[in-house]
Structures are given as C-alpha cells and as structure tokens.
Amino acid sequence: MNACTPHSTHPALSRLTDRSLLRTLGHIGGRWTAAPDAADFTVTDPASGAQVARVAALGVVETNAAIAAATAAFPAWRDRLPQDRARILRTWAQLLLAATEDLALIMTLEQGKPLSESRGEIAYAADFLDWYAGEALRMNAEGVTPHLRDVEMIVRREALGPVGIVTPWNFPSAMITRKVAAALASGCTCVVHPSAETPLSGLALAELAERAGLPAGVMNIVPGDAATIVGRMCTDDRLRAMSFTGSTGIGRMIAAQCAPTMKRLVMELGGHAPLIVFADADIDRAVQIAMDAKFATSGQDCLAANRIYVERAILPAFTARFAERIAALKVGSGLEPDSDIGPLMHARALAKVAEQVRDAVARGGRVVTGGGVHADLPLAYLPTLITDAPDDALIHREETFGPVASVLPFDTEAEVIARANDTEYGLAAYLVTRNGARALRLSRALEFGMVAVNRVKITGGPIPFGGWKQSGLGREGSRHGMEAFTELKYLCIDTAA
C-alpha cells in the first residue's frame, strides 16, 4: 500500500504537495497490487533521462484478477442509480482540478510536455468526467410507434458489461478519462492498461477515483508489458468491448485478437491532418493557427497538422512569417516555465522524425529552420520547417509525431481537396479561409471525421471525437461516446385486455 517505491528519487518530486498521488503499484479490486515476483520497470524523465519511479510490472495473473474484479463489480455498479454514478464522477472531477499542480508535475516528469500543457490536460481530463456525469442521467428509453395492434414498444440502452481500455503516452490522463467516464456513466466496469511510458498519471487517477468513492473493482489499472496485458484482455470473453487509442498498426492487431470473442471496438488511431490556407486568409492569423495545430505537445498529437497546403499567391509571405515564429520557439525541459517545446517521448520517436527530415531533403526538400537534435536535450528535436518536399516524401505519407512542419503550395480548390484526401487516414483537417461558401464546400469534400474552420481547438466533452478510414472506429466524447458501452434492448409488451 506504499504510495511509491524507495527508488522514486527524481529531485523534482520534492515539489509534490500530496506525495500519495505518486503510486507505483497496480490497482486491482480496490487494492494496490505488486507483481508476485516483485518485477518492475523504470519510468524516466524524457528531458534528463533521470529515473522518476519504478512501477510494478504486472502480467497475465494480475490481468486475470483485474478482469475478475471488474466482472464481480459489474452487477452492483450497473444497478446503481445513475444519479449515484454521476455524483462519483463529479467528485472525481473536482479532485482532479484541486490536484492540478501535482498531477501536472507527475505528467511532465514522465511525458516531457511543458507544465502549462500538462495543466491544460488535467482540466481537459476533468471535463470528460463532468460531461459524462450529466450524460449518465440521459441514457434514456426510446419510444417506438407500434406497427402492431395492442402493443407497447420500447427501445432502451443497457450497460454492456466489463470493458477493456488501452491508452497512449501522449495524453496519459485525458485519454483515460475520456474512455473511462463514458464507460462508467453507462454502467460498465473497466480494466485499464496505461502506456508503460506514462503509467504514473493513470495510477494517480486511480488514487483520486478511490477518494471520490468509486467502489472496488469498478476501475482497475494494470501497468506492465502491453503485449502481455492487452493480449490477455483481447482474448478474454468476459470483457465485452475494447477501447484503444494508438497507432493504426497496433489497432489492426487488437482488432484481429478481439475477433474470436466478437468484442465491441472503439479505436482512435493515427492521424495525418491537412491544414489548407487560402489566399483570402489573414496571414498572421493563418500562421498562428498553423503554430497551434502543429507544435502542441511538441507535435506528438494525432490531431497535429502534418501537411500544410498554402495557396501559391501567399506562399512566400506565409512561409517567411511561419519560419520566424518557429525559430522563436523555446526548446527545454517541460519543468522550465518558458519552454514551448519539450523532448520527444523516446529515442524511437526521435529517430522517426530525423528519418522523415532526411528523406524530405533527399527528395529535394529544403530545411528553412531547425533540422537537428537540440544540443542539450538528447531527445528534443529542434522545431523545423521544410519546404519544397514532394507529395511522396515520407513526411507527407506517414504520421509525424514531432515538431516538424512541411509547407506545400497549391493552385486550385479541386487540386488541394484531392491531395488532402490522398491518405489512408481521416481523423482531422484544418481549413483557413474568409470565404464562407468555400468553407462549406470543403467541409463536405474533405474525407475526415472532424474539420476545423479558422480555428484549432475543437475537442471536449460534448463533441464526437473520431475519424474515417484507417483513423478508427466509433466515437469518443458526446452522447455517441456511450454507444460502444451499451446494448440496445427492444421490448414488445402486449397490452390487450
């Protein structure tokens, strides 16, 4: 039951006001759980490489125990009044907001993003808890106009059962609450596997959920090796759904593993967002939109603008101002208050970004600013702008999880629509224009689940987050986020005397 192991020695941890939020054991059936053989793994600070904590590496035995706990807790949680479930979710949200500074510090230490962004994510995470507290009261019964005599017909949604949830490292708190809040509001129980790179944020959420009154077994957190834990979750028929955020490749593997048990799937997968800037746009505003859409979370965001198409008439002016803004970004540890760009998550991410830049240059691209690793932060890539790279360069075909922007010219509306849609991904797209008719035309023509017109921030509790094509299945957030966690039941009641 210790809050943290003796190995949690990172000097910044002295800034925690509530040390019990730093949990390093799994949370199963209401108990903090270590691996039987005391196996653990290291969580490191991407900025310094220093150890933050050693976390219990749970395995198949503990995953089975978590599934059993969620299964045992399901009937009572399903039968709780929705007002009771809502009260717990709201209390949990309030506890998150009250602990913002501690939670943001933990997140920055394990993920690397600037503290200001970590604080913003905690507010974002709390928003989902609060939103679904309201939705718990509106799962509703749906009346049907009968087509038969002397009957009453009702369609209602009922909780699906225990569900599995697998979350990524780039948003280690919000991706848990966006999924878990919808499941809990629906009456489901959960087994959660947080990314091994960033388990501490998820375990801190479990501590606060317990304080909020969430009953034992309703939410279980199982840190450890993804292949072992997630593989077991996929094949266990007691879990009726799997909700996953991550790469398209891993999503395909999970879908295949879930097929024998016919699980419901919710998948928020890769993104490769185009940002289209027309000549009628205000250039300064367009540059600000491009900065916000590309460089948040150091570019490690599925919503990041990867292909920035600029109408040729304004290309020189846009590129010059964009390059100036990019060059001014401050790269540093997320703990430094003025940092704009933090380190990437790990060496693999750095290698991918560097390879995309090398490929772009080899194909004729030009590095306008940046283009290398930061001198003092080995995992930080300098904010970079590339021009003149062809459409078949890797940076225009693959998702880029890093602070590298590429600008491409276009001449006609039809041309840019075709180029923007020429991808297997379809998560989000951005459009900058002052022509209202054009905005409506392109919003229809772009094959993406979410389109932002003249702005970047579009997500939150009320909106259905998700993509087309290889960018996923289903939606998260909004009332649609509860659909995967519920079953429809149809009642036909004879009313004849």
Protein backbone atom coordinates (compact mmCIF):
# COMPACT_ATOMS: atom_id res chain seq x y z
CA MET A 1 0.00 0.00 0.00
CA ASN A 2 3.01 2.31 -0.15
CA ALA A 3 2.48 5.39 -2.30
CA CYS A 4 5.79 4.96 -4.05
CA THR A 5 8.87 2.81 -4.01
CA PRO A 6 12.14 3.89 -2.41
CA HIS A 7 13.52 4.23 -5.95
CA SER A 8 11.39 7.35 -6.65
CA THR A 9 14.27 9.78 -6.26
CA HIS A 10 13.85 12.42 -9.01
CA PRO A 11 14.65 15.78 -7.35
CA ALA A 12 11.52 17.46 -8.78
CA LEU A 13 9.34 15.05 -6.79
CA SER A 14 10.08 17.18 -3.73
CA ARG A 15 7.64 19.69 -5.23
CA LEU A 16 4.68 17.33 -4.77
CA THR A 17 2.32 18.58 -2.08
CA ASP A 18 0.42 15.27 -1.97
CA ARG A 19 3.02 12.52 -2.17
CA SER A 20 0.35 9.81 -2.08
CA LEU A 21 -0.58 10.69 -5.67
CA LEU A 22 2.67 9.08 -6.79
CA ARG A 23 1.56 5.46 -6.96
CA THR A 24 3.73 2.71 -8.39
CA LEU A 25 1.61 -0.40 -7.86
CA GLY A 26 -1.30 -1.63 -9.93
CA HIS A 27 -4.84 -1.07 -8.65
CA ILE A 28 -6.97 -4.21 -8.79
CA GLY A 29 -10.21 -4.83 -6.93
CA GLY A 30 -9.62 -1.79 -4.75
CA ARG A 31 -6.13 -2.89 -3.67
CA TRP A 32 -2.70 -1.63 -4.65
CA THR A 33 -1.09 -4.68 -6.21
CA ALA A 34 2.53 -5.64 -6.87
CA ALA A 35 3.75 -8.38 -9.17
CA PRO A 36 4.28 -11.65 -7.20
CA ASP A 37 7.91 -11.81 -8.27
CA ALA A 38 8.41 -8.07 -7.48
CA ALA A 39 9.08 -7.38 -11.18
CA ASP A 40 9.05 -3.73 -12.08
CA PHE A 41 10.05 -1.31 -14.82
CA THR A 42 11.56 2.16 -14.89
CA VAL A 43 9.75 5.38 -15.74
CA THR A 44 12.22 8.05 -16.84
CA ASP A 45 12.11 11.80 -17.40
CA PRO A 46 12.49 12.34 -21.19
CA ALA A 47 14.21 15.67 -20.57
CA SER A 48 17.04 14.39 -18.37
CA GLY A 49 16.91 10.61 -18.60
CA ALA A 50 16.68 10.53 -14.80
CA GLN A 51 14.60 7.88 -13.10
CA VAL A 52 11.22 9.10 -11.89
CA ALA A 53 9.96 5.84 -10.39
CA ARG A 54 9.94 2.09 -10.69
CA VAL A 55 6.46 0.72 -11.37
CA ALA A 56 5.10 -2.77 -10.81
CA ALA A 57 5.24 -4.85 -13.99
CA LEU A 58 2.03 -6.84 -13.75
CA GLY A 59 1.32 -9.80 -16.02
CA VAL A 60 -1.25 -12.38 -17.03
CA VAL A 61 -2.12 -13.41 -13.46
CA GLU A 62 -2.86 -9.84 -12.41
CA THR A 63 -4.72 -9.12 -15.66
CA ASN A 64 -6.96 -12.10 -14.97
CA ALA A 65 -7.51 -10.81 -11.44
CA ALA A 66 -8.43 -7.36 -12.79
CA ILE A 67 -10.92 -8.86 -15.25
CA ALA A 68 -12.40 -10.97 -12.46
CA ALA A 69 -12.70 -7.89 -10.22
CA ALA A 70 -14.41 -5.88 -12.97
CA THR A 71 -16.76 -8.79 -13.66
CA ALA A 72 -17.68 -9.17 -10.00
CA ALA A 73 -18.24 -5.43 -9.57
CA PHE A 74 -20.36 -5.03 -12.69
CA PRO A 75 -23.86 -6.06 -11.45
CA ALA A 76 -23.85 -3.69 -8.48
CA TRP A 77 -22.38 -0.80 -10.48
CA ARG A 78 -24.85 -1.33 -13.33
CA ASP A 79 -27.73 -1.29 -10.86
CA ARG A 80 -26.63 1.88 -9.08
CA LEU A 81 -28.91 4.83 -9.70
CA PRO A 82 -27.45 6.99 -12.47
CA GLN A 83 -27.53 9.89 -10.01
CA ASP A 84 -25.12 7.97 -7.79
CA ARG A 85 -22.74 7.26 -10.66
CA ALA A 86 -22.93 10.91 -11.69
CA ARG A 87 -22.14 12.09 -8.16
CA ILE A 88 -18.97 9.99 -8.04
CA LEU A 89 -17.83 11.20 -11.46
CA ARG A 90 -18.34 14.84 -10.49
CA THR A 91 -16.50 14.39 -7.21
CA TRP A 92 -13.65 12.74 -9.09
CA ALA A 93 -13.50 15.70 -11.49
CA GLN A 94 -13.34 18.15 -8.60
CA LEU A 95 -10.50 16.19 -7.02
CA LEU A 96 -8.56 16.30 -10.29
CA LEU A 97 -8.90 20.05 -10.53
CA ALA A 98 -7.90 20.53 -6.89
CA ALA A 99 -4.75 18.45 -7.50
CA THR A 100 -3.84 20.12 -10.81
CA GLU A 101 -0.32 21.18 -9.83
CA ASP A 102 0.70 17.77 -8.51
CA LEU A 103 -0.88 15.89 -11.42
CA ALA A 104 0.73 18.24 -13.93
CA LEU A 105 4.14 17.76 -12.33
CA ILE A 106 3.81 13.97 -12.48
CA MET A 107 2.71 14.17 -16.11
CA THR A 108 5.56 16.43 -17.17
CA LEU A 109 8.11 14.25 -15.41
CA GLU A 110 7.02 11.09 -17.21
CA GLN A 111 5.84 12.53 -20.55
CA GLY A 112 8.02 15.60 -21.07
CA LYS A 113 5.43 18.14 -22.19
CA PRO A 114 5.65 21.67 -20.75
CA LEU A 115 3.91 22.18 -17.41
CA SER A 116 1.47 24.63 -18.95
CA GLU A 117 0.28 21.92 -21.35
CA SER A 118 0.09 19.38 -18.54
CA ARG A 119 -2.12 21.73 -16.53
CA GLY A 120 -4.33 22.14 -19.56
CA GLU A 121 -4.62 18.38 -19.94
CA ILE A 122 -5.77 17.97 -16.34
CA ALA A 123 -8.58 20.45 -16.98
CA TYR A 124 -9.39 18.58 -20.21
CA ALA A 125 -9.43 15.25 -18.34
CA ALA A 126 -11.75 16.62 -15.65
CA ASP A 127 -14.09 17.94 -18.34
CA PHE A 128 -14.85 14.42 -19.55
CA LEU A 129 -15.72 13.26 -16.03
CA ASP A 130 -18.05 16.21 -15.58
CA TRP A 131 -19.64 15.83 -19.02
CA TYR A 132 -20.40 12.14 -18.59
CA ALA A 133 -21.74 12.73 -15.11
CA GLY A 134 -24.51 14.61 -16.89
CA GLU A 135 -24.88 12.01 -19.63
CA ALA A 136 -25.34 9.25 -17.04
CA LEU A 137 -28.75 10.77 -16.36
CA ARG A 138 -29.78 10.70 -20.02
CA MET A 139 -29.15 7.14 -21.20
CA ASN A 140 -32.92 7.13 -21.76
CA ALA A 141 -35.65 4.88 -23.05
CA GLU A 142 -36.76 5.36 -26.65
CA GLY A 143 -40.40 5.04 -27.64
CA VAL A 144 -41.34 3.30 -30.89
CA THR A 145 -44.52 3.96 -32.84
CA PRO A 146 -46.07 0.46 -32.93
CA HIS A 147 -46.79 -1.27 -36.23
CA LEU A 148 -48.80 -3.97 -34.42
CA ARG A 149 -52.08 -3.73 -32.55
CA ASP A 150 -52.34 -3.81 -28.77
CA VAL A 151 -48.64 -3.49 -28.00
CA GLU A 152 -46.30 -1.04 -26.38
CA MET A 153 -42.81 -0.92 -27.89
CA ILE A 154 -39.75 0.38 -26.06
CA VAL A 155 -36.09 0.51 -27.03
CA ARG A 156 -33.60 1.13 -24.26
CA ARG A 157 -29.87 1.13 -23.75
CA GLU A 158 -28.34 -1.12 -21.11
CA ALA A 159 -24.76 -1.40 -19.89
CA LEU A 160 -22.65 -3.74 -22.00
CA GLY A 161 -20.53 -5.27 -19.23
CA PRO A 162 -16.86 -5.12 -18.18
CA VAL A 163 -14.71 -3.40 -20.82
CA GLY A 164 -11.01 -3.09 -21.62
CA ILE A 165 -9.31 0.26 -22.11
CA VAL A 166 -5.84 0.83 -23.57
CA THR A 167 -4.37 4.33 -23.57
CA PRO A 168 -1.32 6.07 -25.11
CA TRP A 169 1.53 8.09 -23.67
CA ASN A 170 0.90 11.46 -25.32
CA PHE A 171 -2.21 12.33 -23.26
CA PRO A 172 -1.85 9.99 -20.26
CA SER A 173 -4.71 11.45 -18.19
CA ALA A 174 -7.27 12.72 -20.69
CA MET A 175 -7.29 9.55 -22.79
CA ILE A 176 -8.16 7.55 -19.67
CA THR A 177 -10.97 9.82 -18.50
CA ARG A 178 -12.46 10.24 -21.99
CA LYS A 179 -12.90 6.48 -22.20
CA VAL A 180 -13.50 5.55 -18.57
CA ALA A 181 -16.03 8.31 -17.90
CA ALA A 182 -18.22 7.15 -20.80
CA ALA A 183 -17.98 3.53 -19.68
CA LEU A 184 -18.72 4.27 -16.02
CA ALA A 185 -21.60 6.59 -16.86
CA SER A 186 -23.09 3.77 -18.95
CA GLY A 187 -22.88 1.36 -16.01
CA CYS A 188 -19.86 -0.59 -17.24
CA THR A 189 -16.78 -1.53 -15.23
CA CYS A 190 -13.23 -1.21 -16.59
CA VAL A 191 -9.82 -2.79 -16.86
CA VAL A 192 -7.33 -0.11 -17.91
CA HIS A 193 -3.83 -0.59 -19.31
CA PRO A 194 -1.92 2.71 -19.35
CA SER A 195 1.13 3.10 -21.56
CA ALA A 196 4.31 1.76 -19.98
CA GLU A 197 5.98 5.10 -20.77
CA THR A 198 3.46 7.06 -18.70
CA PRO A 199 1.74 4.85 -16.10
CA LEU A 200 2.06 7.29 -13.19
CA SER A 201 -0.68 9.62 -14.41
CA GLY A 202 -3.15 6.74 -14.67
CA LEU A 203 -2.27 5.41 -11.24
CA ALA A 204 -2.75 8.89 -9.77
CA LEU A 205 -6.22 8.94 -11.33
CA ALA A 206 -6.97 5.65 -9.59
CA GLU A 207 -5.96 7.14 -6.24
CA LEU A 208 -8.34 10.08 -6.76
CA ALA A 209 -11.15 7.82 -8.03
CA GLU A 210 -10.88 5.83 -4.82
CA ARG A 211 -11.12 9.05 -2.80
CA ALA A 212 -14.18 10.05 -4.85
CA GLY A 213 -15.96 6.90 -3.73
CA LEU A 214 -15.62 4.69 -6.79
CA PRO A 215 -16.32 1.16 -5.50
CA ALA A 216 -13.62 -1.50 -5.52
CA GLY A 217 -13.29 -3.31 -8.82
CA VAL A 218 -15.18 -0.77 -10.89
CA MET A 219 -11.95 0.62 -12.38
CA ASN A 220 -8.78 -1.48 -12.34
CA ILE A 221 -5.36 -0.24 -13.52
CA VAL A 222 -2.88 -2.82 -14.81
CA PRO A 223 0.59 -1.43 -15.67
CA GLY A 224 3.21 -3.56 -17.37
CA ASP A 225 4.07 -5.04 -20.75
CA ALA A 226 1.45 -4.12 -23.37
CA ALA A 227 1.71 -7.31 -25.43
CA THR A 228 1.14 -9.48 -22.37
CA ILE A 229 -1.64 -7.49 -20.74
CA VAL A 230 -3.52 -6.27 -23.81
CA GLY A 231 -3.24 -9.66 -25.47
CA ARG A 232 -4.95 -11.26 -22.49
CA MET A 233 -7.64 -8.56 -22.44
CA CYS A 234 -8.41 -9.13 -26.12
CA THR A 235 -8.91 -12.88 -25.78
CA ASP A 236 -10.98 -12.90 -22.56
CA ASP A 237 -14.68 -13.13 -23.37
CA ARG A 238 -15.62 -11.54 -20.03
CA LEU A 239 -14.59 -8.18 -21.48
CA ARG A 240 -17.29 -7.13 -23.90
CA ALA A 241 -15.52 -4.19 -25.55
CA MET A 242 -12.05 -2.82 -26.16
CA SER A 243 -11.36 0.89 -26.43
CA PHE A 244 -7.91 1.72 -27.79
CA THR A 245 -6.03 4.88 -28.73
CA GLY A 246 -2.76 4.45 -30.59
CA SER A 247 -1.26 3.65 -33.96
CA THR A 248 -3.25 2.18 -36.83
CA GLY A 249 -0.91 -0.80 -36.99
CA ILE A 250 -1.47 -1.76 -33.36
CA GLY A 251 -5.18 -1.11 -33.79
CA ARG A 252 -5.31 -3.70 -36.56
CA MET A 253 -3.57 -6.24 -34.32
CA ILE A 254 -6.01 -5.61 -31.46
CA ALA A 255 -9.00 -5.93 -33.81
CA ALA A 256 -7.70 -9.29 -35.03
CA GLN A 257 -7.12 -10.55 -31.49
CA CYS A 258 -10.62 -9.47 -30.44
CA ALA A 259 -12.39 -11.09 -33.39
CA PRO A 260 -12.89 -14.55 -31.81
CA THR A 261 -14.80 -13.03 -28.88
CA MET A 262 -16.78 -10.55 -31.06
CA LYS A 263 -15.90 -7.61 -28.83
CA ARG A 264 -17.26 -4.17 -29.49
CA LEU A 265 -14.37 -1.97 -30.69
CA VAL A 266 -13.70 1.73 -30.25
CA MET A 267 -10.46 2.82 -31.88
CA GLU A 268 -8.93 6.26 -32.17
CA LEU A 269 -5.99 5.59 -34.43
CA GLY A 270 -3.46 7.53 -36.46
CA GLY A 271 -3.97 10.98 -37.92
CA HIS A 272 -2.32 12.82 -40.81
CA ALA A 273 -4.14 16.13 -40.75
CA PRO A 274 -4.00 18.57 -43.66
CA LEU A 275 -4.12 22.31 -42.98
CA ILE A 276 -5.30 24.28 -46.00
CA VAL A 277 -4.68 28.02 -46.16
CA PHE A 278 -6.35 30.03 -48.94
CA ALA A 279 -5.08 33.34 -50.28
CA ASP A 280 -8.02 35.26 -48.80
CA ALA A 281 -6.93 34.35 -45.25
CA ASP A 282 -5.39 36.83 -42.84
CA ILE A 283 -1.77 35.65 -42.96
CA ASP A 284 -0.92 36.40 -39.34
CA ARG A 285 -3.98 34.52 -38.16
CA ALA A 286 -3.23 31.63 -40.51
CA VAL A 287 0.32 31.42 -39.14
CA GLN A 288 -0.98 31.36 -35.57
CA ILE A 289 -3.40 28.57 -36.49
CA ALA A 290 -0.54 26.63 -38.08
CA MET A 291 1.61 27.09 -34.97
CA ASP A 292 -1.16 25.85 -32.68
CA ALA A 293 -2.10 22.96 -34.95
CA LYS A 294 1.48 21.74 -35.41
CA PHE A 295 3.51 22.33 -32.26
CA ALA A 296 1.25 21.50 -29.29
CA THR A 297 2.64 18.57 -27.27
CA SER A 298 5.87 19.01 -29.29
CA GLY A 299 3.96 17.75 -32.32
CA GLN A 300 3.16 14.44 -30.59
CA ASP A 301 -0.56 14.65 -31.23
CA CYS A 302 -2.80 12.67 -33.58
CA LEU A 303 -4.55 15.96 -34.41
CA ALA A 304 -1.31 17.71 -35.41
CA ALA A 305 -1.26 19.35 -38.83
CA ASN A 306 1.24 17.29 -40.83
CA ARG A 307 0.67 18.66 -44.34
CA ILE A 308 0.28 22.44 -44.60
CA TYR A 309 -1.06 23.43 -48.02
CA VAL A 310 -0.79 27.16 -48.80
CA GLU A 311 -2.23 28.82 -51.89
CA ARG A 312 0.67 29.85 -54.08
CA ALA A 313 -0.16 33.58 -54.12
CA ILE A 314 0.61 33.94 -50.40
CA LEU A 315 3.17 31.17 -50.05
CA PRO A 316 6.29 33.40 -49.73
CA ALA A 317 4.74 35.69 -47.12
CA PHE A 318 3.23 32.81 -45.14
CA THR A 319 6.46 30.80 -45.18
CA ALA A 320 8.59 33.73 -44.03
CA ARG A 321 6.34 34.56 -41.07
CA PHE A 322 5.87 30.88 -40.19
CA ALA A 323 9.63 30.29 -40.19
CA GLU A 324 10.16 33.31 -37.94
CA ARG A 325 7.63 32.05 -35.41
CA ILE A 326 9.06 28.52 -35.47
CA ALA A 327 12.62 29.73 -34.93
CA ALA A 328 11.47 31.68 -31.86
CA LEU A 329 10.08 28.63 -30.06
CA LYS A 330 11.93 27.84 -26.84
CA VAL A 331 13.08 24.24 -26.51
CA GLY A 332 13.70 22.98 -22.99
CA SER A 333 12.67 20.73 -20.15
CA GLY A 334 8.96 20.75 -19.50
CA LEU A 335 9.75 21.89 -15.96
CA GLU A 336 11.14 25.19 -17.24
CA PRO A 337 8.30 27.75 -17.15
CA ASP A 338 9.11 29.32 -20.53
CA SER A 339 9.52 26.10 -22.55
CA ASP A 340 7.38 25.80 -25.68
CA ILE A 341 8.77 22.51 -26.96
CA GLY A 342 9.81 19.63 -24.74
CA PRO A 343 11.67 16.41 -25.53
CA LEU A 344 10.13 13.63 -27.57
CA MET A 345 8.93 10.59 -25.69
CA HIS A 346 11.73 8.20 -26.54
CA ALA A 347 14.60 7.50 -28.92
CA ARG A 348 12.31 5.73 -31.41
CA ALA A 349 10.22 8.87 -31.83
CA LEU A 350 13.35 10.95 -32.36
CA ALA A 351 14.69 8.51 -34.94
CA LYS A 352 11.42 8.57 -36.90
CA VAL A 353 11.35 12.37 -37.05
CA ALA A 354 15.02 12.56 -38.09
CA GLU A 355 14.44 9.97 -40.83
CA GLN A 356 11.48 11.92 -42.21
CA VAL A 357 13.58 15.08 -42.39
CA ARG A 358 16.47 13.23 -44.08
CA ASP A 359 14.07 11.70 -46.60
CA ALA A 360 12.46 15.06 -47.37
CA VAL A 361 15.84 16.67 -48.04
CA ALA A 362 16.97 13.73 -50.18
CA ARG A 363 13.86 14.22 -52.33
CA GLY A 364 14.52 17.90 -52.88
CA GLY A 365 13.08 19.44 -49.73
CA ARG A 366 14.70 22.44 -48.09
CA VAL A 367 15.13 22.96 -44.34
CA VAL A 368 14.26 26.60 -43.66
CA THR A 369 14.84 26.45 -39.91
CA GLY A 370 15.71 23.73 -37.42
CA GLY A 371 16.56 20.32 -38.75
CA GLY A 372 18.53 18.70 -35.96
CA VAL A 373 18.69 17.48 -32.37
CA HIS A 374 18.91 20.02 -29.56
CA ALA A 375 22.44 20.40 -28.22
CA ASP A 376 21.49 19.98 -24.54
CA LEU A 377 18.42 17.71 -24.70
CA PRO A 378 19.23 14.44 -26.47
CA LEU A 379 15.55 13.58 -27.07
CA ALA A 380 14.50 17.05 -28.23
CA TYR A 381 14.26 17.76 -31.95
CA LEU A 382 14.54 21.40 -32.96
CA PRO A 383 11.30 22.94 -34.27
CA THR A 384 11.70 22.58 -38.01
CA LEU A 385 10.18 23.96 -41.19
CA ILE A 386 10.59 22.18 -44.54
CA THR A 387 9.56 23.46 -47.95
CA ASP A 388 9.69 22.02 -51.48
CA ALA A 389 9.38 18.36 -50.42
CA PRO A 390 7.28 16.34 -52.90
CA ASP A 391 3.96 14.73 -52.05
CA ASP A 392 5.55 11.27 -51.95
CA ALA A 393 8.08 12.20 -49.24
CA LEU A 394 7.72 10.19 -46.03
CA ILE A 395 6.68 13.29 -44.09
CA HIS A 396 3.65 13.62 -46.40
CA ARG A 397 2.71 9.91 -46.31
CA GLU A 398 3.27 8.96 -42.65
CA GLU A 399 2.05 10.42 -39.40
CA THR A 400 4.69 12.77 -37.97
CA PHE A 401 4.91 12.70 -34.19
CA GLY A 402 7.33 15.56 -33.71
CA PRO A 403 7.89 19.32 -34.11
CA VAL A 404 8.45 19.32 -37.88
CA ALA A 405 6.19 21.26 -40.27
CA SER A 406 6.14 20.94 -44.03
CA VAL A 407 4.60 23.57 -46.30
CA LEU A 408 3.37 22.74 -49.80
CA PRO A 409 1.92 25.06 -52.47
CA PHE A 410 -1.39 24.56 -54.24
CA ASP A 411 -3.19 26.37 -57.04
CA THR A 412 -6.83 25.26 -57.18
CA GLU A 413 -9.52 24.16 -54.79
CA ALA A 414 -10.11 20.86 -56.60
CA GLU A 415 -6.39 20.10 -56.58
CA VAL A 416 -5.93 20.66 -52.85
CA ILE A 417 -9.02 18.61 -51.96
CA ALA A 418 -7.66 15.66 -53.93
CA ARG A 419 -4.22 15.95 -52.35
CA ALA A 420 -5.58 16.36 -48.83
CA ASN A 421 -7.79 13.29 -49.22
CA ASP A 422 -5.00 11.17 -50.70
CA THR A 423 -4.20 9.34 -47.46
CA GLU A 424 -5.36 6.28 -45.57
CA TYR A 425 -6.05 8.50 -42.57
CA GLY A 426 -9.15 10.59 -41.93
CA LEU A 427 -9.11 11.97 -38.40
CA ALA A 428 -9.00 15.78 -38.61
CA ALA A 429 -8.49 18.55 -41.14
CA TYR A 430 -7.99 22.31 -40.78
CA LEU A 431 -9.19 24.98 -43.15
CA VAL A 432 -8.36 28.71 -43.15
CA THR A 433 -10.44 30.97 -45.41
CA ARG A 434 -12.70 34.00 -45.16
CA ASN A 435 -14.96 32.68 -47.91
CA GLY A 436 -17.98 31.13 -46.21
CA ALA A 437 -19.22 29.24 -49.26
CA ARG A 438 -15.76 27.73 -49.78
CA ALA A 439 -15.61 26.70 -46.12
CA LEU A 440 -18.88 24.80 -46.51
CA ARG A 441 -17.82 23.19 -49.80
CA LEU A 442 -14.52 21.95 -48.42
CA SER A 443 -16.05 20.81 -45.15
CA ARG A 444 -18.20 18.45 -47.20
CA ALA A 445 -15.46 17.42 -49.61
CA LEU A 446 -12.74 16.63 -47.03
CA GLU A 447 -12.83 12.94 -46.00
CA PHE A 448 -12.16 13.47 -42.31
CA GLY A 449 -14.22 12.90 -39.20
CA MET A 450 -13.54 16.39 -37.82
CA VAL A 451 -12.99 19.63 -39.73
CA ALA A 452 -11.87 22.84 -38.00
CA VAL A 453 -12.57 26.07 -39.88
CA ASN A 454 -10.49 29.11 -38.92
CA ARG A 455 -9.53 27.65 -35.55
CA VAL A 456 -7.64 24.78 -33.91
CA LYS A 457 -9.26 23.93 -30.58
CA ILE A 458 -12.35 21.86 -31.30
CA THR A 459 -12.31 18.95 -28.85
CA GLY A 460 -14.02 18.50 -25.48
CA GLY A 461 -16.72 16.54 -23.70
CA PRO A 462 -19.67 17.48 -25.94
CA ILE A 463 -18.11 16.59 -29.32
CA PRO A 464 -17.89 13.17 -31.07
CA PHE A 465 -14.14 12.61 -31.45
CA GLY A 466 -13.11 10.14 -34.13
CA GLY A 467 -12.08 9.59 -37.71
CA TRP A 468 -12.85 7.99 -41.04
CA LYS A 469 -10.96 5.33 -42.98
CA GLN A 470 -7.90 3.94 -41.15
CA SER A 471 -8.16 6.55 -38.38
CA GLY A 472 -10.50 4.49 -36.28
CA LEU A 473 -13.85 3.03 -35.38
CA GLY A 474 -16.62 4.64 -33.35
CA ARG A 475 -16.56 7.92 -31.47
CA GLU A 476 -15.43 9.17 -28.07
CA GLY A 477 -16.95 12.12 -26.25
CA SER A 478 -20.54 13.37 -26.66
CA ARG A 479 -23.55 11.11 -26.21
CA HIS A 480 -22.14 8.96 -29.04
CA GLY A 481 -19.25 8.01 -26.78
CA MET A 482 -21.59 5.85 -24.72
CA GLU A 483 -22.85 3.82 -27.67
CA ALA A 484 -19.98 1.33 -27.65
CA PHE A 485 -20.53 0.64 -23.95
CA THR A 486 -24.25 -0.10 -24.21
CA GLU A 487 -26.50 -2.67 -25.84
CA LEU A 488 -29.89 -1.89 -27.34
CA LYS A 489 -32.77 -3.90 -25.93
CA TYR A 490 -36.17 -3.94 -27.57
CA LEU A 491 -39.30 -4.65 -25.52
CA CYS A 492 -42.63 -5.53 -27.12
CA ILE A 493 -45.36 -5.65 -24.47
CA ASP A 494 -48.83 -6.98 -25.16
CA THR A 495 -51.46 -4.57 -23.83
CA ALA A 496 -54.60 -6.45 -24.90
CA ALA A 497 -57.17 -6.98 -22.21
